Amino acid sequence: MSKDGDDALIIDWNDGTRRRYLWTDLRKNCPCAGCNEERQQPPDPFRLLKPNELVPLKPAKIEPVGYYAYRITWSDGHDAGLFTLENLHSLGVLIPK
């Protein structure tokens, strides 16, 4: 696992693949119940954004959870989603080694 600039992560998987993950894509695909519920709702065109919602989100911390997942703590404090290894693998864009 290594950073790729300020906006992405690269993981070399045991299956021999290398995948790139944009932070924005990972946050949009947060697997927690709250984010899943929010994705099911139609967007409110009249919702006013708070100042902290205008700042690009970055991971503050990434930590393993057992041998099956990673928890990402985001710069806004959100940390409820556990990215299982299977889910994380499927979200990445395959890049050549």
C-alpha atoms as a PDB file:
ATOM      1  CA  MET A   1       0.000   0.000   0.000  1.00  0.00           C
ATOM      2  CA  SER A   2       1.442   3.369  -1.021  1.00  0.00           C
ATOM      3  CA  LYS A   3       0.251   6.894  -1.679  1.00  0.00           C
ATOM      4  CA  ASP A   4       0.055   8.024  -5.287  1.00  0.00           C
ATOM      5  CA  GLY A   5       0.323  11.792  -5.030  1.00  0.00           C
ATOM      6  CA  ASP A   6      -2.218  13.586  -2.867  1.00  0.00           C
ATOM      7  CA  ASP A   7      -5.328  12.082  -4.378  1.00  0.00           C
ATOM      8  CA  ALA A   8      -4.836   8.331  -4.659  1.00  0.00           C
ATOM      9  CA  LEU A   9      -3.629   5.074  -3.165  1.00  0.00           C
ATOM     10  CA  ILE A  10      -1.948   2.139  -4.901  1.00  0.00           C
ATOM     11  CA  ILE A  11      -2.178  -1.427  -3.619  1.00  0.00           C
ATOM     12  CA  ASP A  12      -0.157  -4.351  -4.940  1.00  0.00           C
ATOM     13  CA  TRP A  13      -2.378  -7.363  -4.257  1.00  0.00           C
ATOM     14  CA  ASN A  14      -1.297 -10.945  -3.568  1.00  0.00           C
ATOM     15  CA  ASP A  15      -2.993 -12.058  -6.783  1.00  0.00           C
ATOM     16  CA  GLY A  16      -0.327 -10.154  -8.731  1.00  0.00           C
ATOM     17  CA  THR A  17      -2.532  -7.200  -9.661  1.00  0.00           C
ATOM     18  CA  ARG A  18      -1.839  -3.547  -8.933  1.00  0.00           C
ATOM     19  CA  ARG A  19      -4.827  -1.278  -8.416  1.00  0.00           C
ATOM     20  CA  ARG A  20      -5.243   2.475  -8.023  1.00  0.00           C
ATOM     21  CA  TYR A  21      -7.863   4.066  -5.766  1.00  0.00           C
ATOM     22  CA  LEU A  22      -8.873   7.720  -5.861  1.00  0.00           C
ATOM     23  CA  TRP A  23      -9.770   9.020  -2.406  1.00  0.00           C
ATOM     24  CA  THR A  24     -12.941  10.574  -3.844  1.00  0.00           C
ATOM     25  CA  ASP A  25     -14.040   7.187  -5.237  1.00  0.00           C
ATOM     26  CA  LEU A  26     -13.405   5.436  -1.934  1.00  0.00           C
ATOM     27  CA  ARG A  27     -15.396   8.037  -0.016  1.00  0.00           C
ATOM     28  CA  LYS A  28     -18.278   7.864  -2.531  1.00  0.00           C
ATOM     29  CA  ASN A  29     -18.319   4.085  -2.020  1.00  0.00           C
ATOM     30  CA  CYS A  30     -18.108   4.093   1.780  1.00  0.00           C
ATOM     31  CA  PRO A  31     -19.818   0.848   2.830  1.00  0.00           C
ATOM     32  CA  CYS A  32     -21.282   2.106   6.130  1.00  0.00           C
ATOM     33  CA  ALA A  33     -25.038   2.040   6.701  1.00  0.00           C
ATOM     34  CA  GLY A  34     -25.336   5.834   6.847  1.00  0.00           C
ATOM     35  CA  CYS A  35     -23.597   6.360   3.511  1.00  0.00           C
ATOM     36  CA  ASN A  36     -25.565   3.498   1.919  1.00  0.00           C
ATOM     37  CA  GLU A  37     -28.815   5.087   3.089  1.00  0.00           C
ATOM     38  CA  GLU A  38     -27.722   8.514   1.844  1.00  0.00           C
ATOM     39  CA  ARG A  39     -26.928   7.066  -1.608  1.00  0.00           C
ATOM     40  CA  GLN A  40     -30.488   5.666  -1.790  1.00  0.00           C
ATOM     41  CA  GLN A  41     -32.056   9.101  -1.315  1.00  0.00           C
ATOM     42  CA  PRO A  42     -32.462  11.508  -4.239  1.00  0.00           C
ATOM     43  CA  PRO A  43     -30.163  14.514  -3.817  1.00  0.00           C
ATOM     44  CA  ASP A  44     -31.748  17.642  -2.351  1.00  0.00           C
ATOM     45  CA  PRO A  45     -31.131  20.432  -4.879  1.00  0.00           C
ATOM     46  CA  PHE A  46     -31.804  23.068  -2.184  1.00  0.00           C
ATOM     47  CA  ARG A  47     -29.406  21.714   0.453  1.00  0.00           C
ATOM     48  CA  LEU A  48     -26.817  24.281   1.497  1.00  0.00           C
ATOM     49  CA  LEU A  49     -23.289  22.970   1.870  1.00  0.00           C
ATOM     50  CA  LYS A  50     -21.400  23.662   5.077  1.00  0.00           C
ATOM     51  CA  PRO A  51     -17.900  25.170   4.718  1.00  0.00           C
ATOM     52  CA  ASN A  52     -16.236  21.884   5.741  1.00  0.00           C
ATOM     53  CA  GLU A  53     -18.139  20.088   2.941  1.00  0.00           C
ATOM     54  CA  LEU A  54     -16.443  22.260   0.324  1.00  0.00           C
ATOM     55  CA  VAL A  55     -12.967  21.080   1.306  1.00  0.00           C
ATOM     56  CA  PRO A  56     -11.768  17.926  -0.494  1.00  0.00           C
ATOM     57  CA  LEU A  57     -11.845  14.966   1.877  1.00  0.00           C
ATOM     58  CA  LYS A  58      -8.601  13.138   2.520  1.00  0.00           C
ATOM     59  CA  PRO A  59      -7.874  10.118   4.674  1.00  0.00           C
ATOM     60  CA  ALA A  60      -6.479  11.025   8.082  1.00  0.00           C
ATOM     61  CA  LYS A  61      -5.724   7.402   9.001  1.00  0.00           C
ATOM     62  CA  ILE A  62      -5.975   3.945   7.445  1.00  0.00           C
ATOM     63  CA  GLU A  63      -5.812   0.976   9.780  1.00  0.00           C
ATOM     64  CA  PRO A  64      -6.348  -2.757   9.368  1.00  0.00           C
ATOM     65  CA  VAL A  65      -9.293  -4.410  11.068  1.00  0.00           C
ATOM     66  CA  GLY A  66      -8.339  -7.995  11.727  1.00  0.00           C
ATOM     67  CA  TYR A  67      -7.221  -9.790   8.579  1.00  0.00           C
ATOM     68  CA  TYR A  68     -10.285  -8.924   6.510  1.00  0.00           C
ATOM     69  CA  ALA A  69     -10.779  -5.142   6.234  1.00  0.00           C
ATOM     70  CA  TYR A  70      -9.456  -1.597   6.511  1.00  0.00           C
ATOM     71  CA  ARG A  71     -11.022   1.326   8.331  1.00  0.00           C
ATOM     72  CA  ILE A  72     -10.425   4.741   6.792  1.00  0.00           C
ATOM     73  CA  THR A  73     -10.769   7.750   9.064  1.00  0.00           C
ATOM     74  CA  TRP A  74     -11.513  10.757   6.861  1.00  0.00           C
ATOM     75  CA  SER A  75     -10.496  14.365   7.437  1.00  0.00           C
ATOM     76  CA  ASP A  76     -14.080  15.189   8.482  1.00  0.00           C
ATOM     77  CA  GLY A  77     -13.952  12.507  11.209  1.00  0.00           C
ATOM     78  CA  HIS A  78     -16.118   9.921   9.403  1.00  0.00           C
ATOM     79  CA  ASP A  79     -14.825   6.409  10.124  1.00  0.00           C
ATOM     80  CA  ALA A  80     -17.870   4.137  10.171  1.00  0.00           C
ATOM     81  CA  GLY A  81     -17.163   2.202   6.964  1.00  0.00           C
ATOM     82  CA  LEU A  82     -15.131  -0.988   6.918  1.00  0.00           C
ATOM     83  CA  PHE A  83     -13.709  -1.721   3.489  1.00  0.00           C
ATOM     84  CA  THR A  84     -13.404  -5.501   3.299  1.00  0.00           C
ATOM     85  CA  LEU A  85     -10.483  -6.750   1.235  1.00  0.00           C
ATOM     86  CA  GLU A  86     -12.897  -8.132  -1.380  1.00  0.00           C
ATOM     87  CA  ASN A  87     -14.755  -4.824  -1.619  1.00  0.00           C
ATOM     88  CA  LEU A  88     -11.545  -2.805  -1.731  1.00  0.00           C
ATOM     89  CA  HIS A  89     -10.077  -5.047  -4.441  1.00  0.00           C
ATOM     90  CA  SER A  90     -13.196  -4.614  -6.608  1.00  0.00           C
ATOM     91  CA  LEU A  91     -13.205  -0.801  -6.294  1.00  0.00           C
ATOM     92  CA  GLY A  92      -9.695  -0.350  -7.663  1.00  0.00           C
ATOM     93  CA  VAL A  93      -8.721   0.481 -11.220  1.00  0.00           C
ATOM     94  CA  LEU A  94      -6.294  -2.078 -12.607  1.00  0.00           C
ATOM     95  CA  ILE A  95      -2.945  -0.552 -13.600  1.00  0.00           C
ATOM     96  CA  PRO A  96       0.050  -2.259 -15.216  1.00  0.00           C
ATOM     97  CA  LYS A  97       3.003  -3.128 -13.007  1.00  0.00           C
END
